[in-house]
């Protein structure tokens, strides 16, 4: 299978394959409805709208979206909406899920409590995928949403979940770069210690094919660490694929700084370790960003099906 390196390739997969049934949780929002309308018209999805039916119908009018033939599941309570979505996916009534204007914690809770995991998965994580100019492959940041202070074992799970998606995308051995403060700050840093353990775990085969790099700090990243980011001397083969952050605060902050990078393509946000794609666009995402996220999820869903 050819390696999928950018969102243009993702869109080609979404456009050529059959539409995926996708739940949209808390769908009664004009921007969300505009997204669903476009995704359906482009043949990406067959939507299942979950939320207050009156709000959904009102939002559809604002988007000029004809709801004929579209399934609506009427629910008003946010947590009930999230559970309804996950239960539909468990039953096989939906191949994908996406939150609309739902606080993400409700969906996390439903996915975790319903154990909507891929075989062998113990933990979930949030993965943010980016396409950067001059970089010849996707870059991912994790974990930006679920694990607050992951210990070594949890970091191992986070790496495995993320590497698994890169394998689906055609990367046989993605590189993982754990981020840490400089060792000079404190040689006993937990993040630096965990990195040593992670590299040992990889050598022992406890995580699937990948390369775990030696940890380095954000100061190296933003000051133009030549091995990775100096455009004049960029060795694309050495650019890391996965940035593993030491805690949720760091992951969440870093994942939201993408707009500072010139020419970066809108990110796609997905829950790692889930049985089928669960998309979690940010609150501030407009319909163009959400379409990007849906196309990515559709591509992953088809790749998962091919693997099965």
C-alpha atoms as a PDB file:
ATOM      1  CA  UNK A   1       0.000   0.000   0.000  1.00  0.00           C
ATOM      2  CA  UNK A   2       1.376   3.477  -0.825  1.00  0.00           C
ATOM      3  CA  UNK A   3       2.147   5.742   2.101  1.00  0.00           C
ATOM      4  CA  UNK A   4      -0.495   8.397   2.739  1.00  0.00           C
ATOM      5  CA  UNK A   5       1.505  11.568   3.289  1.00  0.00           C
ATOM      6  CA  UNK A   6      -0.973  14.441   3.122  1.00  0.00           C
ATOM      7  CA  UNK A   7      -4.614  15.463   3.209  1.00  0.00           C
ATOM      8  CA  UNK A   8      -4.906  15.565  -0.573  1.00  0.00           C
ATOM      9  CA  UNK A   9      -4.381  11.797  -0.575  1.00  0.00           C
ATOM     10  CA  UNK A  10      -6.833  11.461   2.318  1.00  0.00           C
ATOM     11  CA  UNK A  11      -9.519  13.289   0.342  1.00  0.00           C
ATOM     12  CA  UNK A  12      -8.961  11.057  -2.683  1.00  0.00           C
ATOM     13  CA  UNK A  13      -9.636   7.974  -0.539  1.00  0.00           C
ATOM     14  CA  UNK A  14     -12.744   9.548   1.006  1.00  0.00           C
ATOM     15  CA  UNK A  15     -14.058  10.518  -2.430  1.00  0.00           C
ATOM     16  CA  UNK A  16     -13.528   7.178  -4.149  1.00  0.00           C
ATOM     17  CA  UNK A  17     -14.769   4.846  -1.394  1.00  0.00           C
ATOM     18  CA  UNK A  18     -18.348   4.196  -0.285  1.00  0.00           C
ATOM     19  CA  UNK A  19     -19.921   6.602   2.198  1.00  0.00           C
ATOM     20  CA  UNK A  20     -19.518   5.732   5.871  1.00  0.00           C
ATOM     21  CA  UNK A  21     -22.376   5.866   8.356  1.00  0.00           C
ATOM     22  CA  UNK A  22     -21.339   8.508  10.890  1.00  0.00           C
ATOM     23  CA  UNK A  23     -23.074   9.653  14.045  1.00  0.00           C
ATOM     24  CA  UNK A  24     -22.926  13.375  14.759  1.00  0.00           C
ATOM     25  CA  UNK A  25     -23.355  14.036  18.465  1.00  0.00           C
ATOM     26  CA  UNK A  26     -25.088  17.282  19.439  1.00  0.00           C
ATOM     27  CA  UNK A  27     -25.747  18.129  15.821  1.00  0.00           C
ATOM     28  CA  UNK A  28     -28.014  21.146  16.363  1.00  0.00           C
ATOM     29  CA  UNK A  29     -25.492  23.785  15.311  1.00  0.00           C
ATOM     30  CA  UNK A  30     -25.291  25.752  12.043  1.00  0.00           C
ATOM     31  CA  UNK A  31     -21.535  25.212  11.472  1.00  0.00           C
ATOM     32  CA  UNK A  32     -21.842  21.505  12.235  1.00  0.00           C
ATOM     33  CA  UNK A  33     -24.828  21.185   9.911  1.00  0.00           C
ATOM     34  CA  UNK A  34     -22.964  22.958   7.110  1.00  0.00           C
ATOM     35  CA  UNK A  35     -20.162  20.436   7.570  1.00  0.00           C
ATOM     36  CA  UNK A  36     -22.526  17.456   7.525  1.00  0.00           C
ATOM     37  CA  UNK A  37     -24.249  18.775   4.413  1.00  0.00           C
ATOM     38  CA  UNK A  38     -20.974  19.137   2.502  1.00  0.00           C
ATOM     39  CA  UNK A  39     -19.630  15.772   3.684  1.00  0.00           C
ATOM     40  CA  UNK A  40     -22.813  14.054   2.559  1.00  0.00           C
ATOM     41  CA  UNK A  41     -22.897  15.832  -0.802  1.00  0.00           C
ATOM     42  CA  UNK A  42     -19.291  14.792  -1.439  1.00  0.00           C
ATOM     43  CA  UNK A  43     -20.169  11.174  -0.696  1.00  0.00           C
ATOM     44  CA  UNK A  44     -18.011  10.896   2.427  1.00  0.00           C
ATOM     45  CA  UNK A  45     -20.744   9.981   4.909  1.00  0.00           C
ATOM     46  CA  UNK A  46     -24.338   9.030   5.556  1.00  0.00           C
ATOM     47  CA  UNK A  47     -25.044  11.057   8.708  1.00  0.00           C
ATOM     48  CA  UNK A  48     -26.980   9.975  11.774  1.00  0.00           C
ATOM     49  CA  UNK A  49     -27.827  13.126  13.701  1.00  0.00           C
ATOM     50  CA  UNK A  50     -28.081  12.872  17.481  1.00  0.00           C
ATOM     51  CA  UNK A  51     -29.456  15.733  19.568  1.00  0.00           C
ATOM     52  CA  UNK A  52     -32.456  17.945  20.134  1.00  0.00           C
ATOM     53  CA  UNK A  53     -34.605  17.399  17.046  1.00  0.00           C
ATOM     54  CA  UNK A  54     -35.967  20.939  17.025  1.00  0.00           C
ATOM     55  CA  UNK A  55     -32.445  22.414  17.157  1.00  0.00           C
ATOM     56  CA  UNK A  56     -31.268  20.037  14.438  1.00  0.00           C
ATOM     57  CA  UNK A  57     -34.106  21.064  12.134  1.00  0.00           C
ATOM     58  CA  UNK A  58     -33.494  24.737  12.844  1.00  0.00           C
ATOM     59  CA  UNK A  59     -29.772  24.387  12.132  1.00  0.00           C
ATOM     60  CA  UNK A  60     -30.513  22.494   8.919  1.00  0.00           C
ATOM     61  CA  UNK A  61     -32.603  25.410   7.669  1.00  0.00           C
ATOM     62  CA  UNK A  62     -29.705  27.795   8.269  1.00  0.00           C
ATOM     63  CA  UNK A  63     -27.430  25.479   6.272  1.00  0.00           C
ATOM     64  CA  UNK A  64     -30.040  24.927   3.548  1.00  0.00           C
ATOM     65  CA  UNK A  65     -29.707  21.204   4.218  1.00  0.00           C
ATOM     66  CA  UNK A  66     -32.633  18.966   3.245  1.00  0.00           C
ATOM     67  CA  UNK A  67     -32.996  16.310   5.963  1.00  0.00           C
ATOM     68  CA  UNK A  68     -35.084  13.938   3.849  1.00  0.00           C
ATOM     69  CA  UNK A  69     -33.700  10.443   4.347  1.00  0.00           C
ATOM     70  CA  UNK A  70     -31.422  11.506   7.215  1.00  0.00           C
ATOM     71  CA  UNK A  71     -31.861   9.617  10.484  1.00  0.00           C
ATOM     72  CA  UNK A  72     -32.368  11.768  13.583  1.00  0.00           C
ATOM     73  CA  UNK A  73     -32.023  10.383  17.114  1.00  0.00           C
ATOM     74  CA  UNK A  74     -33.802  12.780  19.458  1.00  0.00           C
ATOM     75  CA  UNK A  75     -31.916  13.308  22.736  1.00  0.00           C
ATOM     76  CA  UNK A  76     -31.474  16.383  24.898  1.00  0.00           C
ATOM     77  CA  UNK A  77     -29.034  15.275  27.609  1.00  0.00           C
ATOM     78  CA  UNK A  78     -25.378  15.516  26.519  1.00  0.00           C
ATOM     79  CA  UNK A  79     -24.240  12.318  28.225  1.00  0.00           C
ATOM     80  CA  UNK A  80     -27.194  10.366  26.843  1.00  0.00           C
ATOM     81  CA  UNK A  81     -26.294  11.623  23.356  1.00  0.00           C
ATOM     82  CA  UNK A  82     -22.723  10.351  23.752  1.00  0.00           C
ATOM     83  CA  UNK A  83     -23.836   6.958  25.055  1.00  0.00           C
ATOM     84  CA  UNK A  84     -26.377   6.635  22.225  1.00  0.00           C
ATOM     85  CA  UNK A  85     -23.624   7.248  19.667  1.00  0.00           C
ATOM     86  CA  UNK A  86     -21.184   4.732  21.140  1.00  0.00           C
ATOM     87  CA  UNK A  87     -23.926   2.104  21.490  1.00  0.00           C
ATOM     88  CA  UNK A  88     -24.830   2.522  17.811  1.00  0.00           C
ATOM     89  CA  UNK A  89     -21.190   1.977  16.873  1.00  0.00           C
ATOM     90  CA  UNK A  90     -20.992  -1.102  19.105  1.00  0.00           C
ATOM     91  CA  UNK A  91     -24.083  -2.558  17.407  1.00  0.00           C
ATOM     92  CA  UNK A  92     -22.558  -1.902  13.990  1.00  0.00           C
ATOM     93  CA  UNK A  93     -25.136   0.732  13.060  1.00  0.00           C
ATOM     94  CA  UNK A  94     -22.383   3.325  12.503  1.00  0.00           C
ATOM     95  CA  UNK A  95     -18.798   3.048  11.246  1.00  0.00           C
ATOM     96  CA  UNK A  96     -17.681   6.443  12.594  1.00  0.00           C
ATOM     97  CA  UNK A  97     -18.548   8.980  15.266  1.00  0.00           C
ATOM     98  CA  UNK A  98     -17.972  12.725  15.455  1.00  0.00           C
ATOM     99  CA  UNK A  99     -18.840  15.164  18.177  1.00  0.00           C
ATOM    100  CA  UNK A 100     -20.646  18.329  17.168  1.00  0.00           C
ATOM    101  CA  UNK A 101     -21.016  21.044  19.783  1.00  0.00           C
ATOM    102  CA  UNK A 102     -20.701  18.599  22.643  1.00  0.00           C
ATOM    103  CA  UNK A 103     -18.215  19.121  25.489  1.00  0.00           C
ATOM    104  CA  UNK A 104     -15.594  16.508  24.751  1.00  0.00           C
ATOM    105  CA  UNK A 105     -15.609  15.039  28.276  1.00  0.00           C
ATOM    106  CA  UNK A 106     -19.028  13.470  27.641  1.00  0.00           C
ATOM    107  CA  UNK A 107     -17.713  11.558  24.647  1.00  0.00           C
ATOM    108  CA  UNK A 108     -14.522  10.520  26.444  1.00  0.00           C
ATOM    109  CA  UNK A 109     -16.651   9.171  29.301  1.00  0.00           C
ATOM    110  CA  UNK A 110     -18.906   7.200  26.952  1.00  0.00           C
ATOM    111  CA  UNK A 111     -16.012   5.710  24.969  1.00  0.00           C
ATOM    112  CA  UNK A 112     -14.141   4.727  28.153  1.00  0.00           C
ATOM    113  CA  UNK A 113     -17.110   3.356  30.116  1.00  0.00           C
ATOM    114  CA  UNK A 114     -18.463   1.402  27.151  1.00  0.00           C
ATOM    115  CA  UNK A 115     -14.951   0.023  26.540  1.00  0.00           C
ATOM    116  CA  UNK A 116     -15.090   0.914  22.866  1.00  0.00           C
ATOM    117  CA  UNK A 117     -11.565  -0.384  22.344  1.00  0.00           C
ATOM    118  CA  UNK A 118      -9.663  -2.134  19.601  1.00  0.00           C
ATOM    119  CA  UNK A 119      -8.504  -5.633  20.600  1.00  0.00           C
ATOM    120  CA  UNK A 120      -5.711  -5.516  23.158  1.00  0.00           C
ATOM    121  CA  UNK A 121      -6.092  -1.790  23.905  1.00  0.00           C
ATOM    122  CA  UNK A 122      -6.179  -0.731  27.561  1.00  0.00           C
ATOM    123  CA  UNK A 123      -5.976   3.059  27.287  1.00  0.00           C
ATOM    124  CA  UNK A 124      -7.225   5.730  24.902  1.00  0.00           C
ATOM    125  CA  UNK A 125      -5.452   8.906  23.801  1.00  0.00           C
ATOM    126  CA  UNK A 126      -6.151  11.946  21.637  1.00  0.00           C
ATOM    127  CA  UNK A 127      -4.023  12.249  18.500  1.00  0.00           C
ATOM    128  CA  UNK A 128      -3.747  15.448  16.453  1.00  0.00           C
ATOM    129  CA  UNK A 129      -2.525  14.941  12.874  1.00  0.00           C
ATOM    130  CA  UNK A 130      -0.877  17.768  10.915  1.00  0.00           C
ATOM    131  CA  UNK A 131       0.432  18.382   7.435  1.00  0.00           C
ATOM    132  CA  UNK A 132       3.344  20.842   7.436  1.00  0.00           C
ATOM    133  CA  UNK A 133       4.972  22.409   4.389  1.00  0.00           C
ATOM    134  CA  UNK A 134       8.329  20.907   3.393  1.00  0.00           C
ATOM    135  CA  UNK A 135       7.682  17.812   5.525  1.00  0.00           C
ATOM    136  CA  UNK A 136       7.011  14.734   3.425  1.00  0.00           C
ATOM    137  CA  UNK A 137       4.696  12.952   5.868  1.00  0.00           C
ATOM    138  CA  UNK A 138       2.040  13.452   8.515  1.00  0.00           C
ATOM    139  CA  UNK A 139       3.093  14.629  11.959  1.00  0.00           C
ATOM    140  CA  UNK A 140       1.106  13.762  15.089  1.00  0.00           C
ATOM    141  CA  UNK A 141       0.999  15.210  18.609  1.00  0.00           C
ATOM    142  CA  UNK A 142      -0.302  13.086  21.484  1.00  0.00           C
ATOM    143  CA  UNK A 143      -1.797  12.998  24.108  1.00  0.00           C
ATOM    144  CA  UNK A 144      -3.712  16.268  24.074  1.00  0.00           C
ATOM    145  CA  UNK A 145      -6.959  15.251  25.736  1.00  0.00           C
ATOM    146  CA  UNK A 146      -7.327  12.158  27.941  1.00  0.00           C
ATOM    147  CA  UNK A 147      -4.338  11.073  30.051  1.00  0.00           C
ATOM    148  CA  UNK A 148      -3.443  13.812  32.525  1.00  0.00           C
ATOM    149  CA  UNK A 149      -0.066  12.586  33.789  1.00  0.00           C
ATOM    150  CA  UNK A 150       0.656   9.332  31.952  1.00  0.00           C
ATOM    151  CA  UNK A 151       3.058   6.926  33.600  1.00  0.00           C
ATOM    152  CA  UNK A 152       5.468   4.734  31.668  1.00  0.00           C
ATOM    153  CA  UNK A 153       2.929   1.977  30.969  1.00  0.00           C
ATOM    154  CA  UNK A 154       0.341   4.502  29.768  1.00  0.00           C
ATOM    155  CA  UNK A 155       2.912   6.168  27.501  1.00  0.00           C
ATOM    156  CA  UNK A 156       3.628   2.755  26.021  1.00  0.00           C
ATOM    157  CA  UNK A 157      -0.103   2.379  25.264  1.00  0.00           C
ATOM    158  CA  UNK A 158      -0.242   5.887  23.771  1.00  0.00           C
ATOM    159  CA  UNK A 159       2.675   5.098  21.488  1.00  0.00           C
ATOM    160  CA  UNK A 160       1.125   1.783  20.400  1.00  0.00           C
ATOM    161  CA  UNK A 161      -2.250   3.403  19.608  1.00  0.00           C
ATOM    162  CA  UNK A 162      -0.593   6.141  17.564  1.00  0.00           C
ATOM    163  CA  UNK A 163       1.871   3.871  15.784  1.00  0.00           C
ATOM    164  CA  UNK A 164      -1.057   1.609  14.813  1.00  0.00           C
ATOM    165  CA  UNK A 165      -2.699   4.466  12.913  1.00  0.00           C
ATOM    166  CA  UNK A 166       0.563   5.325  11.173  1.00  0.00           C
ATOM    167  CA  UNK A 167       0.874   1.684  10.131  1.00  0.00           C
ATOM    168  CA  UNK A 168      -2.631   1.915   8.617  1.00  0.00           C
ATOM    169  CA  UNK A 169      -1.458   4.993   6.696  1.00  0.00           C
ATOM    170  CA  UNK A 170       1.432   3.010   5.235  1.00  0.00           C
ATOM    171  CA  UNK A 171       4.354   3.968   7.488  1.00  0.00           C
ATOM    172  CA  UNK A 172       6.186   0.712   8.314  1.00  0.00           C
ATOM    173  CA  UNK A 173       8.379   2.176  11.080  1.00  0.00           C
ATOM    174  CA  UNK A 174       7.293   5.652  12.228  1.00  0.00           C
ATOM    175  CA  UNK A 175       9.605   7.565  14.530  1.00  0.00           C
ATOM    176  CA  UNK A 176       8.451   8.669  17.972  1.00  0.00           C
ATOM    177  CA  UNK A 177       9.996  11.723  19.614  1.00  0.00           C
ATOM    178  CA  UNK A 178       9.259  12.032  23.370  1.00  0.00           C
ATOM    179  CA  UNK A 179       9.383  15.649  24.507  1.00  0.00           C
ATOM    180  CA  UNK A 180      11.064  16.551  27.785  1.00  0.00           C
ATOM    181  CA  UNK A 181      12.766  19.405  29.552  1.00  0.00           C
ATOM    182  CA  UNK A 182      16.526  19.456  29.097  1.00  0.00           C
ATOM    183  CA  UNK A 183      18.315  16.936  31.294  1.00  0.00           C
ATOM    184  CA  UNK A 184      20.491  19.750  32.649  1.00  0.00           C
ATOM    185  CA  UNK A 185      17.408  21.025  34.492  1.00  0.00           C
ATOM    186  CA  UNK A 186      17.216  17.831  36.527  1.00  0.00           C
ATOM    187  CA  UNK A 187      18.786  14.473  35.625  1.00  0.00           C
ATOM    188  CA  UNK A 188      15.941  12.721  37.499  1.00  0.00           C
ATOM    189  CA  UNK A 189      13.177  14.106  35.266  1.00  0.00           C
ATOM    190  CA  UNK A 190      10.350  11.583  35.006  1.00  0.00           C
ATOM    191  CA  UNK A 191       9.977  12.282  31.275  1.00  0.00           C
ATOM    192  CA  UNK A 192      13.673  11.574  30.654  1.00  0.00           C
ATOM    193  CA  UNK A 193      13.568   8.433  32.804  1.00  0.00           C
ATOM    194  CA  UNK A 194      10.447   7.203  31.001  1.00  0.00           C
ATOM    195  CA  UNK A 195      12.136   7.783  27.663  1.00  0.00           C
ATOM    196  CA  UNK A 196      14.943   5.431  28.608  1.00  0.00           C
ATOM    197  CA  UNK A 197      12.375   2.818  29.640  1.00  0.00           C
ATOM    198  CA  UNK A 198      10.394   3.312  26.423  1.00  0.00           C
ATOM    199  CA  UNK A 199      13.478   2.740  24.285  1.00  0.00           C
ATOM    200  CA  UNK A 200      14.213  -0.435  26.243  1.00  0.00           C
ATOM    201  CA  UNK A 201      10.592  -1.581  25.831  1.00  0.00           C
ATOM    202  CA  UNK A 202      10.848  -1.088  22.081  1.00  0.00           C
ATOM    203  CA  UNK A 203      14.023  -3.169  21.905  1.00  0.00           C
ATOM    204  CA  UNK A 204      12.165  -5.896  23.846  1.00  0.00           C
ATOM    205  CA  UNK A 205       9.306  -5.832  21.326  1.00  0.00           C
ATOM    206  CA  UNK A 206       6.668  -4.482  23.717  1.00  0.00           C
ATOM    207  CA  UNK A 207       5.470  -1.984  21.097  1.00  0.00           C
ATOM    208  CA  UNK A 208       4.989  -2.586  17.363  1.00  0.00           C
ATOM    209  CA  UNK A 209       7.456  -1.484  14.690  1.00  0.00           C
ATOM    210  CA  UNK A 210       8.642   2.078  15.311  1.00  0.00           C
ATOM    211  CA  UNK A 211      11.753   4.008  16.252  1.00  0.00           C
ATOM    212  CA  UNK A 212      11.741   5.747  19.642  1.00  0.00           C
ATOM    213  CA  UNK A 213      14.140   8.662  19.519  1.00  0.00           C
ATOM    214  CA  UNK A 214      16.109  10.113  22.415  1.00  0.00           C
ATOM    215  CA  UNK A 215      14.015  12.780  24.178  1.00  0.00           C
ATOM    216  CA  UNK A 216      14.663  16.477  23.646  1.00  0.00           C
ATOM    217  CA  UNK A 217      13.087  19.719  24.787  1.00  0.00           C
ATOM    218  CA  UNK A 218      10.685  22.213  23.248  1.00  0.00           C
ATOM    219  CA  UNK A 219      13.426  24.828  23.286  1.00  0.00           C
ATOM    220  CA  UNK A 220      15.253  22.715  20.709  1.00  0.00           C
ATOM    221  CA  UNK A 221      12.062  22.458  18.703  1.00  0.00           C
ATOM    222  CA  UNK A 222      11.305  26.174  18.542  1.00  0.00           C
ATOM    223  CA  UNK A 223      14.887  27.364  18.200  1.00  0.00           C
ATOM    224  CA  UNK A 224      15.255  25.494  14.923  1.00  0.00           C
ATOM    225  CA  UNK A 225      16.911  22.244  15.906  1.00  0.00           C
ATOM    226  CA  UNK A 226      18.685  21.590  12.600  1.00  0.00           C
ATOM    227  CA  UNK A 227      18.236  17.872  12.501  1.00  0.00           C
ATOM    228  CA  UNK A 228      14.493  18.336  12.165  1.00  0.00           C
ATOM    229  CA  UNK A 229      13.274  21.771  11.247  1.00  0.00           C
ATOM    230  CA  UNK A 230      15.833  23.984   9.516  1.00  0.00           C
ATOM    231  CA  UNK A 231      14.297  24.191   6.040  1.00  0.00           C
ATOM    232  CA  UNK A 232      17.633  24.883   4.438  1.00  0.00           C
ATOM    233  CA  UNK A 233      19.099  21.650   5.817  1.00  0.00           C
ATOM    234  CA  UNK A 234      16.019  19.508   6.258  1.00  0.00           C
ATOM    235  CA  UNK A 235      16.579  15.770   6.142  1.00  0.00           C
ATOM    236  CA  UNK A 236      13.018  14.614   5.587  1.00  0.00           C
ATOM    237  CA  UNK A 237      13.892  11.021   6.358  1.00  0.00           C
ATOM    238  CA  UNK A 238      14.857  12.077   9.894  1.00  0.00           C
ATOM    239  CA  UNK A 239      11.818  14.194  10.684  1.00  0.00           C
ATOM    240  CA  UNK A 240       9.865  12.588  13.536  1.00  0.00           C
ATOM    241  CA  UNK A 241       6.338  11.367  12.883  1.00  0.00           C
ATOM    242  CA  UNK A 242       4.971  11.318  16.434  1.00  0.00           C
ATOM    243  CA  UNK A 243       5.578  13.863  19.196  1.00  0.00           C
ATOM    244  CA  UNK A 244       4.866  12.276  22.577  1.00  0.00           C
ATOM    245  CA  UNK A 245       4.178  14.946  25.196  1.00  0.00           C
ATOM    246  CA  UNK A 246       4.948  14.306  28.884  1.00  0.00           C
ATOM    247  CA  UNK A 247       1.489  15.288  30.143  1.00  0.00           C
ATOM    248  CA  UNK A 248      -1.916  16.524  29.038  1.00  0.00           C
ATOM    249  CA  UNK A 249      -1.145  20.209  29.690  1.00  0.00           C
ATOM    250  CA  UNK A 250       1.846  20.122  27.360  1.00  0.00           C
ATOM    251  CA  UNK A 251      -0.054  18.137  24.730  1.00  0.00           C
ATOM    252  CA  UNK A 252      -3.089  20.385  24.758  1.00  0.00           C
ATOM    253  CA  UNK A 253      -1.042  23.574  24.539  1.00  0.00           C
ATOM    254  CA  UNK A 254       1.267  22.277  21.802  1.00  0.00           C
ATOM    255  CA  UNK A 255      -1.626  20.899  19.744  1.00  0.00           C
ATOM    256  CA  UNK A 256      -3.260  24.333  19.685  1.00  0.00           C
ATOM    257  CA  UNK A 257      -0.121  26.151  18.512  1.00  0.00           C
ATOM    258  CA  UNK A 258      -0.351  24.830  14.960  1.00  0.00           C
ATOM    259  CA  UNK A 259      -1.502  28.209  13.634  1.00  0.00           C
ATOM    260  CA  UNK A 260       1.941  29.598  14.495  1.00  0.00           C
ATOM    261  CA  UNK A 261       3.545  27.372  11.843  1.00  0.00           C
ATOM    262  CA  UNK A 262       3.465  28.994   8.423  1.00  0.00           C
ATOM    263  CA  UNK A 263       1.450  27.051   5.869  1.00  0.00           C
ATOM    264  CA  UNK A 264       0.267  24.275   8.191  1.00  0.00           C
ATOM    265  CA  UNK A 265      -2.831  22.413   6.943  1.00  0.00           C
ATOM    266  CA  UNK A 266      -5.794  22.202   9.330  1.00  0.00           C
ATOM    267  CA  UNK A 267      -5.345  19.307  11.756  1.00  0.00           C
ATOM    268  CA  UNK A 268      -7.436  16.179  12.195  1.00  0.00           C
ATOM    269  CA  UNK A 269      -8.295  15.090  15.738  1.00  0.00           C
ATOM    270  CA  UNK A 270      -9.014  11.431  16.524  1.00  0.00           C
ATOM    271  CA  UNK A 271      -9.169   9.156  19.568  1.00  0.00           C
ATOM    272  CA  UNK A 272      -6.407   6.546  19.503  1.00  0.00           C
ATOM    273  CA  UNK A 273      -7.272   3.008  20.558  1.00  0.00           C
ATOM    274  CA  UNK A 274     -10.959   3.219  19.612  1.00  0.00           C
ATOM    275  CA  UNK A 275     -12.567   0.310  17.756  1.00  0.00           C
ATOM    276  CA  UNK A 276     -13.607   2.579  14.873  1.00  0.00           C
ATOM    277  CA  UNK A 277     -12.791   6.268  14.217  1.00  0.00           C
ATOM    278  CA  UNK A 278     -14.022   8.728  16.836  1.00  0.00           C
ATOM    279  CA  UNK A 279     -13.494  12.319  15.670  1.00  0.00           C
ATOM    280  CA  UNK A 280     -13.234  15.201  18.113  1.00  0.00           C
ATOM    281  CA  UNK A 281     -12.981  18.534  16.278  1.00  0.00           C
ATOM    282  CA  UNK A 282     -12.104  21.488  18.505  1.00  0.00           C
ATOM    283  CA  UNK A 283     -14.768  23.934  19.648  1.00  0.00           C
ATOM    284  CA  UNK A 284     -13.314  26.662  17.451  1.00  0.00           C
ATOM    285  CA  UNK A 285     -13.138  24.585  14.253  1.00  0.00           C
ATOM    286  CA  UNK A 286     -15.203  25.896  11.351  1.00  0.00           C
ATOM    287  CA  UNK A 287     -16.798  23.657   8.744  1.00  0.00           C
ATOM    288  CA  UNK A 288     -13.674  23.606   6.536  1.00  0.00           C
ATOM    289  CA  UNK A 289     -11.608  22.239   9.416  1.00  0.00           C
ATOM    290  CA  UNK A 290     -14.301  19.713  10.305  1.00  0.00           C
ATOM    291  CA  UNK A 291     -14.492  18.511   6.682  1.00  0.00           C
ATOM    292  CA  UNK A 292     -10.752  17.881   6.866  1.00  0.00           C
ATOM    293  CA  UNK A 293     -11.327  15.861  10.042  1.00  0.00           C
ATOM    294  CA  UNK A 294     -14.187  13.860   8.488  1.00  0.00           C
ATOM    295  CA  UNK A 295     -12.178  12.998   5.364  1.00  0.00           C
ATOM    296  CA  UNK A 296      -9.339  11.765   7.579  1.00  0.00           C
ATOM    297  CA  UNK A 297     -11.744   9.656   9.652  1.00  0.00           C
ATOM    298  CA  UNK A 298     -13.351   8.169   6.528  1.00  0.00           C
ATOM    299  CA  UNK A 299      -9.923   7.193   5.179  1.00  0.00           C
ATOM    300  CA  UNK A 300      -8.975   5.571   8.501  1.00  0.00           C
ATOM    301  CA  UNK A 301     -12.318   3.719   8.653  1.00  0.00           C
ATOM    302  CA  UNK A 302     -11.763   2.250   5.186  1.00  0.00           C
ATOM    303  CA  UNK A 303      -8.176   1.305   6.019  1.00  0.00           C
ATOM    304  CA  UNK A 304      -9.397  -0.425   9.189  1.00  0.00           C
ATOM    305  CA  UNK A 305     -11.927  -2.387   7.151  1.00  0.00           C
ATOM    306  CA  UNK A 306      -9.261  -3.428   4.650  1.00  0.00           C
ATOM    307  CA  UNK A 307      -7.040  -4.645   7.478  1.00  0.00           C
ATOM    308  CA  UNK A 308      -9.857  -6.744   8.944  1.00  0.00           C
END
